[in-house]
């Protein structure tokens, strides 16, 4: 179900700075996070960020922005249709 908030987030940008910081737009929710994995729900689908010493430094769901620090080892998308049908965390860790 699309809300008025989702219509504002048509584009998604990911900016990785020196593998130590990442800024992401179009974020709808932080599903879970720990030092090694951050799982986000975005307008383009589920997103998994893997790394070391990861921390959510800034989160503004009104604007759909998140800033993450730590060593970034990888960023992957999870198909949006699948993420909506199944528990996102269960899909990633199965």
PDB file of N, CA and C in Angstrom:
ATOM      1  N   UNK A   1       0.840  -1.177   0.000  1.00  0.00           N
ATOM      2  CA  UNK A   1       0.000   0.000   0.000  1.00  0.00           C
ATOM      3  C   UNK A   1       0.888   1.245   0.000  1.00  0.00           C
ATOM      4  N   UNK A   2       0.663   2.126  -0.945  1.00  0.00           N
ATOM      5  CA  UNK A   2       1.468   3.336  -1.061  1.00  0.00           C
ATOM      6  C   UNK A   2       0.817   4.463  -0.277  1.00  0.00           C
ATOM      7  N   UNK A   3       1.617   5.155   0.489  1.00  0.00           N
ATOM      8  CA  UNK A   3       1.122   6.307   1.228  1.00  0.00           C
ATOM      9  C   UNK A   3       1.624   7.568   0.546  1.00  0.00           C
ATOM     10  N   UNK A   4       1.123   8.716   1.004  1.00  0.00           N
ATOM     11  CA  UNK A   4       1.593   9.980   0.440  1.00  0.00           C
ATOM     12  C   UNK A   4       3.085  10.148   0.624  1.00  0.00           C
ATOM     13  N   UNK A   5       3.622   9.635   1.733  1.00  0.00           N
ATOM     14  CA  UNK A   5       5.051   9.741   2.007  1.00  0.00           C
ATOM     15  C   UNK A   5       5.868   9.028   0.927  1.00  0.00           C
ATOM     16  N   UNK A   6       5.407   7.883   0.450  1.00  0.00           N
ATOM     17  CA  UNK A   6       6.143   7.125  -0.564  1.00  0.00           C
ATOM     18  C   UNK A   6       6.234   7.876  -1.883  1.00  0.00           C
ATOM     19  N   UNK A   7       5.267   8.707  -2.200  1.00  0.00           N
ATOM     20  CA  UNK A   7       5.297   9.434  -3.456  1.00  0.00           C
ATOM     21  C   UNK A   7       6.410  10.472  -3.491  1.00  0.00           C
ATOM     22  N   UNK A   8       6.836  10.962  -2.326  1.00  0.00           N
ATOM     23  CA  UNK A   8       7.925  11.935  -2.281  1.00  0.00           C
ATOM     24  C   UNK A   8       9.259  11.292  -2.645  1.00  0.00           C
ATOM     25  N   UNK A   9       9.401   9.997  -2.377  1.00  0.00           N
ATOM     26  CA  UNK A   9      10.665   9.302  -2.590  1.00  0.00           C
ATOM     27  C   UNK A   9      10.635   8.561  -3.921  1.00  0.00           C
ATOM     28  N   UNK A  10      10.846   9.263  -4.999  1.00  0.00           N
ATOM     29  CA  UNK A  10      10.842   8.613  -6.309  1.00  0.00           C
ATOM     30  C   UNK A  10      12.223   8.091  -6.680  1.00  0.00           C
ATOM     31  N   UNK A  11      13.261   8.754  -6.237  1.00  0.00           N
ATOM     32  CA  UNK A  11      14.623   8.362  -6.542  1.00  0.00           C
ATOM     33  C   UNK A  11      15.316   7.871  -5.288  1.00  0.00           C
ATOM     34  N   UNK A  12      16.304   7.040  -5.520  1.00  0.00           N
ATOM     35  CA  UNK A  12      17.124   6.580  -4.408  1.00  0.00           C
ATOM     36  C   UNK A  12      18.573   6.828  -4.756  1.00  0.00           C
ATOM     37  N   UNK A  13      19.298   7.423  -3.825  1.00  0.00           N
ATOM     38  CA  UNK A  13      20.712   7.683  -4.009  1.00  0.00           C
ATOM     39  C   UNK A  13      21.494   6.998  -2.904  1.00  0.00           C
ATOM     40  N   UNK A  14      22.644   6.448  -3.294  1.00  0.00           N
ATOM     41  CA  UNK A  14      23.553   5.832  -2.341  1.00  0.00           C
ATOM     42  C   UNK A  14      24.914   6.461  -2.575  1.00  0.00           C
ATOM     43  N   UNK A  15      25.451   7.095  -1.534  1.00  0.00           N
ATOM     44  CA  UNK A  15      26.758   7.732  -1.624  1.00  0.00           C
ATOM     45  C   UNK A  15      27.675   7.067  -0.606  1.00  0.00           C
ATOM     46  N   UNK A  16      28.718   6.402  -1.117  1.00  0.00           N
ATOM     47  CA  UNK A  16      29.704   5.761  -0.252  1.00  0.00           C
ATOM     48  C   UNK A  16      30.951   6.627  -0.261  1.00  0.00           C
ATOM     49  N   UNK A  17      31.404   7.012   0.931  1.00  0.00           N
ATOM     50  CA  UNK A  17      32.584   7.857   1.064  1.00  0.00           C
ATOM     51  C   UNK A  17      33.708   7.057   1.711  1.00  0.00           C
ATOM     52  N   UNK A  18      34.769   6.800   0.960  1.00  0.00           N
ATOM     53  CA  UNK A  18      35.976   6.130   1.467  1.00  0.00           C
ATOM     54  C   UNK A  18      35.701   4.809   2.173  1.00  0.00           C
ATOM     55  N   UNK A  19      34.636   4.131   1.815  1.00  0.00           N
ATOM     56  CA  UNK A  19      34.237   2.855   2.429  1.00  0.00           C
ATOM     57  C   UNK A  19      34.004   2.957   3.921  1.00  0.00           C
ATOM     58  N   UNK A  20      33.954   4.186   4.453  1.00  0.00           N
ATOM     59  CA  UNK A  20      33.761   4.382   5.888  1.00  0.00           C
ATOM     60  C   UNK A  20      32.425   5.026   6.232  1.00  0.00           C
ATOM     61  N   UNK A  21      31.767   5.608   5.257  1.00  0.00           N
ATOM     62  CA  UNK A  21      30.475   6.269   5.476  1.00  0.00           C
ATOM     63  C   UNK A  21      29.589   6.021   4.258  1.00  0.00           C
ATOM     64  N   UNK A  22      28.296   5.876   4.514  1.00  0.00           N
ATOM     65  CA  UNK A  22      27.336   5.750   3.423  1.00  0.00           C
ATOM     66  C   UNK A  22      26.097   6.566   3.779  1.00  0.00           C
ATOM     67  N   UNK A  23      25.599   7.312   2.794  1.00  0.00           N
ATOM     68  CA  UNK A  23      24.348   8.068   2.918  1.00  0.00           C
ATOM     69  C   UNK A  23      23.370   7.481   1.919  1.00  0.00           C
ATOM     70  N   UNK A  24      22.154   7.201   2.377  1.00  0.00           N
ATOM     71  CA  UNK A  24      21.147   6.571   1.524  1.00  0.00           C
ATOM     72  C   UNK A  24      19.857   7.368   1.627  1.00  0.00           C
ATOM     73  N   UNK A  25      19.239   7.655   0.480  1.00  0.00           N
ATOM     74  CA  UNK A  25      17.935   8.300   0.447  1.00  0.00           C
ATOM     75  C   UNK A  25      16.888   7.270   0.025  1.00  0.00           C
ATOM     76  N   UNK A  26      15.617   7.583   0.266  1.00  0.00           N
ATOM     77  CA  UNK A  26      14.530   6.677  -0.107  1.00  0.00           C
ATOM     78  C   UNK A  26      14.338   5.551   0.892  1.00  0.00           C
ATOM     79  N   UNK A  27      14.777   5.754   2.127  1.00  0.00           N
ATOM     80  CA  UNK A  27      14.647   4.731   3.166  1.00  0.00           C
ATOM     81  C   UNK A  27      13.280   4.856   3.839  1.00  0.00           C
ATOM     82  N   UNK A  28      12.572   3.747   3.925  1.00  0.00           N
ATOM     83  CA  UNK A  28      11.266   3.719   4.577  1.00  0.00           C
ATOM     84  C   UNK A  28      11.346   3.239   6.018  1.00  0.00           C
ATOM     85  N   UNK A  29      12.280   2.305   6.306  1.00  0.00           N
ATOM     86  CA  UNK A  29      12.370   1.759   7.652  1.00  0.00           C
ATOM     87  C   UNK A  29      13.700   1.037   7.830  1.00  0.00           C
ATOM     88  N   UNK A  30      14.225   1.079   9.049  1.00  0.00           N
ATOM     89  CA  UNK A  30      15.362   0.246   9.425  1.00  0.00           C
ATOM     90  C   UNK A  30      14.774  -1.005  10.064  1.00  0.00           C
ATOM     91  N   UNK A  31      14.953  -2.144   9.404  1.00  0.00           N
ATOM     92  CA  UNK A  31      14.383  -3.402   9.896  1.00  0.00           C
ATOM     93  C   UNK A  31      15.177  -3.932  11.083  1.00  0.00           C
ATOM     94  N   UNK A  32      16.516  -3.913  10.970  1.00  0.00           N
ATOM     95  CA  UNK A  32      17.363  -4.354  12.071  1.00  0.00           C
ATOM     96  C   UNK A  32      18.790  -3.902  11.807  1.00  0.00           C
ATOM     97  N   UNK A  33      19.582  -3.867  12.873  1.00  0.00           N
ATOM     98  CA  UNK A  33      20.996  -3.578  12.679  1.00  0.00           C
ATOM     99  C   UNK A  33      21.822  -4.093  13.843  1.00  0.00           C
ATOM    100  N   UNK A  34      23.079  -4.415  13.520  1.00  0.00           N
ATOM    101  CA  UNK A  34      24.084  -4.740  14.522  1.00  0.00           C
ATOM    102  C   UNK A  34      25.422  -4.281  13.962  1.00  0.00           C
ATOM    103  N   UNK A  35      26.527  -4.652  14.585  1.00  0.00           N
ATOM    104  CA  UNK A  35      27.840  -4.173  14.164  1.00  0.00           C
ATOM    105  C   UNK A  35      28.243  -4.629  12.762  1.00  0.00           C
ATOM    106  N   UNK A  36      27.647  -5.740  12.287  1.00  0.00           N
ATOM    107  CA  UNK A  36      28.071  -6.323  11.013  1.00  0.00           C
ATOM    108  C   UNK A  36      27.040  -6.254   9.897  1.00  0.00           C
ATOM    109  N   UNK A  37      25.774  -6.008  10.231  1.00  0.00           N
ATOM    110  CA  UNK A  37      24.706  -6.032   9.226  1.00  0.00           C
ATOM    111  C   UNK A  37      23.635  -5.002   9.561  1.00  0.00           C
ATOM    112  N   UNK A  38      23.239  -4.240   8.538  1.00  0.00           N
ATOM    113  CA  UNK A  38      22.105  -3.325   8.674  1.00  0.00           C
ATOM    114  C   UNK A  38      21.115  -3.690   7.579  1.00  0.00           C
ATOM    115  N   UNK A  39      19.856  -3.877   7.948  1.00  0.00           N
ATOM    116  CA  UNK A  39      18.809  -4.242   7.000  1.00  0.00           C
ATOM    117  C   UNK A  39      17.807  -3.103   6.937  1.00  0.00           C
ATOM    118  N   UNK A  40      17.623  -2.571   5.719  1.00  0.00           N
ATOM    119  CA  UNK A  40      16.720  -1.447   5.490  1.00  0.00           C
ATOM    120  C   UNK A  40      15.598  -1.846   4.558  1.00  0.00           C
ATOM    121  N   UNK A  41      14.450  -1.191   4.691  1.00  0.00           N
ATOM    122  CA  UNK A  41      13.395  -1.267   3.684  1.00  0.00           C
ATOM    123  C   UNK A  41      13.415   0.074   2.967  1.00  0.00           C
ATOM    124  N   UNK A  42      13.587   0.036   1.640  1.00  0.00           N
ATOM    125  CA  UNK A  42      13.677   1.258   0.848  1.00  0.00           C
ATOM    126  C   UNK A  42      12.610   1.248  -0.238  1.00  0.00           C
ATOM    127  N   UNK A  43      12.516   2.366  -0.943  1.00  0.00           N
ATOM    128  CA  UNK A  43      11.525   2.457  -2.025  1.00  0.00           C
ATOM    129  C   UNK A  43      11.858   1.535  -3.185  1.00  0.00           C
ATOM    130  N   UNK A  44      13.091   1.057  -3.257  1.00  0.00           N
ATOM    131  CA  UNK A  44      13.517   0.164  -4.330  1.00  0.00           C
ATOM    132  C   UNK A  44      13.633  -1.277  -3.882  1.00  0.00           C
ATOM    133  N   UNK A  45      13.220  -1.572  -2.652  1.00  0.00           N
ATOM    134  CA  UNK A  45      13.275  -2.933  -2.134  1.00  0.00           C
ATOM    135  C   UNK A  45      14.079  -3.003  -0.863  1.00  0.00           C
ATOM    136  N   UNK A  46      14.243  -4.218  -0.369  1.00  0.00           N
ATOM    137  CA  UNK A  46      15.047  -4.422   0.816  1.00  0.00           C
ATOM    138  C   UNK A  46      16.512  -4.182   0.496  1.00  0.00           C
ATOM    139  N   UNK A  47      17.272  -3.730   1.482  1.00  0.00           N
ATOM    140  CA  UNK A  47      18.691  -3.467   1.287  1.00  0.00           C
ATOM    141  C   UNK A  47      19.453  -4.009   2.488  1.00  0.00           C
ATOM    142  N   UNK A  48      20.549  -4.690   2.195  1.00  0.00           N
ATOM    143  CA  UNK A  48      21.402  -5.244   3.240  1.00  0.00           C
ATOM    144  C   UNK A  48      22.779  -4.614   3.109  1.00  0.00           C
ATOM    145  N   UNK A  49      23.263  -4.038   4.192  1.00  0.00           N
ATOM    146  CA  UNK A  49      24.589  -3.442   4.227  1.00  0.00           C
ATOM    147  C   UNK A  49      25.433  -4.296   5.160  1.00  0.00           C
ATOM    148  N   UNK A  50      26.540  -4.820   4.644  1.00  0.00           N
ATOM    149  CA  UNK A  50      27.445  -5.658   5.432  1.00  0.00           C
ATOM    150  C   UNK A  50      28.723  -4.882   5.684  1.00  0.00           C
ATOM    151  N   UNK A  51      29.311  -5.085   6.852  1.00  0.00           N
ATOM    152  CA  UNK A  51      30.556  -4.417   7.164  1.00  0.00           C
ATOM    153  C   UNK A  51      31.042  -4.751   8.553  1.00  0.00           C
ATOM    154  N   UNK A  52      31.879  -3.860   9.082  1.00  0.00           N
ATOM    155  CA  UNK A  52      32.455  -4.042  10.408  1.00  0.00           C
ATOM    156  C   UNK A  52      32.304  -2.745  11.187  1.00  0.00           C
ATOM    157  N   UNK A  53      31.877  -2.850  12.433  1.00  0.00           N
ATOM    158  CA  UNK A  53      31.694  -1.675  13.267  1.00  0.00           C
ATOM    159  C   UNK A  53      30.647  -0.716  12.740  1.00  0.00           C
ATOM    160  N   UNK A  54      29.583  -1.259  12.129  1.00  0.00           N
ATOM    161  CA  UNK A  54      28.544  -0.422  11.528  1.00  0.00           C
ATOM    162  C   UNK A  54      27.711   0.271  12.597  1.00  0.00           C
ATOM    163  N   UNK A  55      27.335   1.504  12.315  1.00  0.00           N
ATOM    164  CA  UNK A  55      26.523   2.292  13.231  1.00  0.00           C
ATOM    165  C   UNK A  55      25.592   3.196  12.422  1.00  0.00           C
ATOM    166  N   UNK A  56      24.328   3.262  12.818  1.00  0.00           N
ATOM    167  CA  UNK A  56      23.382   4.194  12.205  1.00  0.00           C
ATOM    168  C   UNK A  56      23.586   5.535  12.905  1.00  0.00           C
ATOM    169  N   UNK A  57      24.269   6.459  12.216  1.00  0.00           N
ATOM    170  CA  UNK A  57      24.586   7.757  12.813  1.00  0.00           C
ATOM    171  C   UNK A  57      23.412   8.712  12.787  1.00  0.00           C
ATOM    172  N   UNK A  58      22.684   8.716  11.686  1.00  0.00           N
ATOM    173  CA  UNK A  58      21.572   9.649  11.538  1.00  0.00           C
ATOM    174  C   UNK A  58      20.452   8.946  10.793  1.00  0.00           C
ATOM    175  N   UNK A  59      19.238   9.101  11.296  1.00  0.00           N
ATOM    176  CA  UNK A  59      18.070   8.486  10.675  1.00  0.00           C
ATOM    177  C   UNK A  59      16.935   9.492  10.699  1.00  0.00           C
ATOM    178  N   UNK A  60      16.391   9.797   9.517  1.00  0.00           N
ATOM    179  CA  UNK A  60      15.246  10.693   9.414  1.00  0.00           C
ATOM    180  C   UNK A  60      14.263  10.055   8.445  1.00  0.00           C
ATOM    181  N   UNK A  61      13.280   9.351   8.986  1.00  0.00           N
ATOM    182  CA  UNK A  61      12.309   8.665   8.133  1.00  0.00           C
ATOM    183  C   UNK A  61      11.336   9.634   7.476  1.00  0.00           C
ATOM    184  N   UNK A  62      11.175  10.833   8.031  1.00  0.00           N
ATOM    185  CA  UNK A  62      10.322  11.834   7.383  1.00  0.00           C
ATOM    186  C   UNK A  62      10.908  12.225   6.025  1.00  0.00           C
ATOM    187  N   UNK A  63      12.234  12.355   5.970  1.00  0.00           N
ATOM    188  CA  UNK A  63      12.911  12.683   4.708  1.00  0.00           C
ATOM    189  C   UNK A  63      13.393  11.442   3.967  1.00  0.00           C
ATOM    190  N   UNK A  64      13.379  10.287   4.631  1.00  0.00           N
ATOM    191  CA  UNK A  64      13.844   9.049   4.004  1.00  0.00           C
ATOM    192  C   UNK A  64      15.353   8.953   3.917  1.00  0.00           C
ATOM    193  N   UNK A  65      16.071   9.597   4.846  1.00  0.00           N
ATOM    194  CA  UNK A  65      17.533   9.613   4.800  1.00  0.00           C
ATOM    195  C   UNK A  65      18.127   8.844   5.965  1.00  0.00           C
ATOM    196  N   UNK A  66      19.227   8.143   5.665  1.00  0.00           N
ATOM    197  CA  UNK A  66      19.990   7.475   6.718  1.00  0.00           C
ATOM    198  C   UNK A  66      21.474   7.648   6.409  1.00  0.00           C
ATOM    199  N   UNK A  67      22.257   7.835   7.484  1.00  0.00           N
ATOM    200  CA  UNK A  67      23.710   7.918   7.368  1.00  0.00           C
ATOM    201  C   UNK A  67      24.297   6.840   8.255  1.00  0.00           C
ATOM    202  N   UNK A  68      25.217   6.075   7.690  1.00  0.00           N
ATOM    203  CA  UNK A  68      25.812   4.933   8.369  1.00  0.00           C
ATOM    204  C   UNK A  68      27.326   5.091   8.336  1.00  0.00           C
ATOM    205  N   UNK A  69      27.975   4.758   9.462  1.00  0.00           N
ATOM    206  CA  UNK A  69      29.433   4.779   9.499  1.00  0.00           C
ATOM    207  C   UNK A  69      29.948   3.392   9.858  1.00  0.00           C
ATOM    208  N   UNK A  70      31.224   3.160   9.581  1.00  0.00           N
ATOM    209  CA  UNK A  70      31.870   1.875   9.808  1.00  0.00           C
ATOM    210  C   UNK A  70      32.521   1.428   8.515  1.00  0.00           C
ATOM    211  N   UNK A  71      33.167   0.291   8.526  1.00  0.00           N
ATOM    212  CA  UNK A  71      33.797  -0.245   7.316  1.00  0.00           C
ATOM    213  C   UNK A  71      32.710  -0.917   6.478  1.00  0.00           C
ATOM    214  N   UNK A  72      32.474  -0.388   5.285  1.00  0.00           N
ATOM    215  CA  UNK A  72      31.426  -0.911   4.384  1.00  0.00           C
ATOM    216  C   UNK A  72      32.039  -1.993   3.500  1.00  0.00           C
ATOM    217  N   UNK A  73      31.569  -3.235   3.639  1.00  0.00           N
ATOM    218  CA  UNK A  73      32.065  -4.339   2.815  1.00  0.00           C
ATOM    219  C   UNK A  73      31.159  -4.660   1.639  1.00  0.00           C
ATOM    220  N   UNK A  74      29.869  -4.307   1.742  1.00  0.00           N
ATOM    221  CA  UNK A  74      28.964  -4.606   0.643  1.00  0.00           C
ATOM    222  C   UNK A  74      27.575  -4.049   0.881  1.00  0.00           C
ATOM    223  N   UNK A  75      26.908  -3.747  -0.233  1.00  0.00           N
ATOM    224  CA  UNK A  75      25.526  -3.280  -0.212  1.00  0.00           C
ATOM    225  C   UNK A  75      24.767  -4.106  -1.244  1.00  0.00           C
ATOM    226  N   UNK A  76      23.695  -4.759  -0.820  1.00  0.00           N
ATOM    227  CA  UNK A  76      22.905  -5.598  -1.719  1.00  0.00           C
ATOM    228  C   UNK A  76      21.425  -5.262  -1.593  1.00  0.00           C
ATOM    229  N   UNK A  77      20.732  -5.369  -2.723  1.00  0.00           N
ATOM    230  CA  UNK A  77      19.274  -5.239  -2.724  1.00  0.00           C
ATOM    231  C   UNK A  77      18.642  -6.616  -2.611  1.00  0.00           C
ATOM    232  N   UNK A  78      17.476  -6.657  -1.965  1.00  0.00           N
ATOM    233  CA  UNK A  78      16.635  -7.841  -1.923  1.00  0.00           C
ATOM    234  C   UNK A  78      15.378  -7.468  -2.684  1.00  0.00           C
ATOM    235  N   UNK A  79      14.921  -8.343  -3.564  1.00  0.00           N
ATOM    236  CA  UNK A  79      13.764  -8.039  -4.406  1.00  0.00           C
ATOM    237  C   UNK A  79      12.573  -7.588  -3.576  1.00  0.00           C
ATOM    238  N   UNK A  80      11.970  -6.461  -3.964  1.00  0.00           N
ATOM    239  CA  UNK A  80      10.886  -5.848  -3.174  1.00  0.00           C
ATOM    240  C   UNK A  80       9.670  -6.763  -3.066  1.00  0.00           C
ATOM    241  N   UNK A  81       9.285  -7.424  -4.147  1.00  0.00           N
ATOM    242  CA  UNK A  81       8.100  -8.290  -4.115  1.00  0.00           C
ATOM    243  C   UNK A  81       8.312  -9.433  -3.128  1.00  0.00           C
ATOM    244  N   UNK A  82       9.495 -10.020  -3.135  1.00  0.00           N
ATOM    245  CA  UNK A  82       9.785 -11.116  -2.215  1.00  0.00           C
ATOM    246  C   UNK A  82       9.810 -10.631  -0.782  1.00  0.00           C
ATOM    247  N   UNK A  83      10.364  -9.445  -0.574  1.00  0.00           N
ATOM    248  CA  UNK A  83      10.470  -8.904   0.781  1.00  0.00           C
ATOM    249  C   UNK A  83       9.091  -8.641   1.374  1.00  0.00           C
ATOM    250  N   UNK A  84       8.130  -8.294   0.538  1.00  0.00           N
ATOM    251  CA  UNK A  84       6.793  -8.028   1.040  1.00  0.00           C
ATOM    252  C   UNK A  84       6.055  -9.331   1.348  1.00  0.00           C
ATOM    253  N   UNK A  85       6.359 -10.402   0.607  1.00  0.00           N
ATOM    254  CA  UNK A  85       5.666 -11.663   0.816  1.00  0.00           C
ATOM    255  C   UNK A  85       6.227 -12.425   2.005  1.00  0.00           C
ATOM    256  N   UNK A  86       7.534 -12.317   2.221  1.00  0.00           N
ATOM    257  CA  UNK A  86       8.193 -13.049   3.293  1.00  0.00           C
ATOM    258  C   UNK A  86       8.778 -12.066   4.284  1.00  0.00           C
ATOM    259  N   UNK A  87       9.096 -12.587   5.429  1.00  0.00           N
ATOM    260  CA  UNK A  87       9.822 -11.788   6.412  1.00  0.00           C
ATOM    261  C   UNK A  87      11.200 -11.509   5.832  1.00  0.00           C
ATOM    262  N   UNK A  88      11.564 -10.245   5.712  1.00  0.00           N
ATOM    263  CA  UNK A  88      12.826  -9.846   5.091  1.00  0.00           C
ATOM    264  C   UNK A  88      14.020 -10.478   5.771  1.00  0.00           C
ATOM    265  N   UNK A  89      14.020 -10.501   7.069  1.00  0.00           N
ATOM    266  CA  UNK A  89      15.151 -11.070   7.802  1.00  0.00           C
ATOM    267  C   UNK A  89      15.246 -12.565   7.547  1.00  0.00           C
ATOM    268  N   UNK A  90      14.119 -13.252   7.519  1.00  0.00           N
ATOM    269  CA  UNK A  90      14.113 -14.677   7.243  1.00  0.00           C
ATOM    270  C   UNK A  90      14.653 -14.989   5.860  1.00  0.00           C
ATOM    271  N   UNK A  91      14.356 -14.174   4.890  1.00  0.00           N
ATOM    272  CA  UNK A  91      14.840 -14.379   3.531  1.00  0.00           C
ATOM    273  C   UNK A  91      16.348 -14.216   3.446  1.00  0.00           C
ATOM    274  N   UNK A  92      16.869 -13.227   4.150  1.00  0.00           N
ATOM    275  CA  UNK A  92      18.291 -12.936   4.081  1.00  0.00           C
ATOM    276  C   UNK A  92      19.124 -14.019   4.773  1.00  0.00           C
ATOM    277  N   UNK A  93      18.650 -14.515   5.909  1.00  0.00           N
ATOM    278  CA  UNK A  93      19.440 -15.436   6.702  1.00  0.00           C
ATOM    279  C   UNK A  93      19.055 -16.889   6.526  1.00  0.00           C
ATOM    280  N   UNK A  94      18.257 -17.241   5.515  1.00  0.00           N
ATOM    281  CA  UNK A  94      17.844 -18.641   5.369  1.00  0.00           C
ATOM    282  C   UNK A  94      18.932 -19.512   4.799  1.00  0.00           C
TER     283      UNK A  94
END
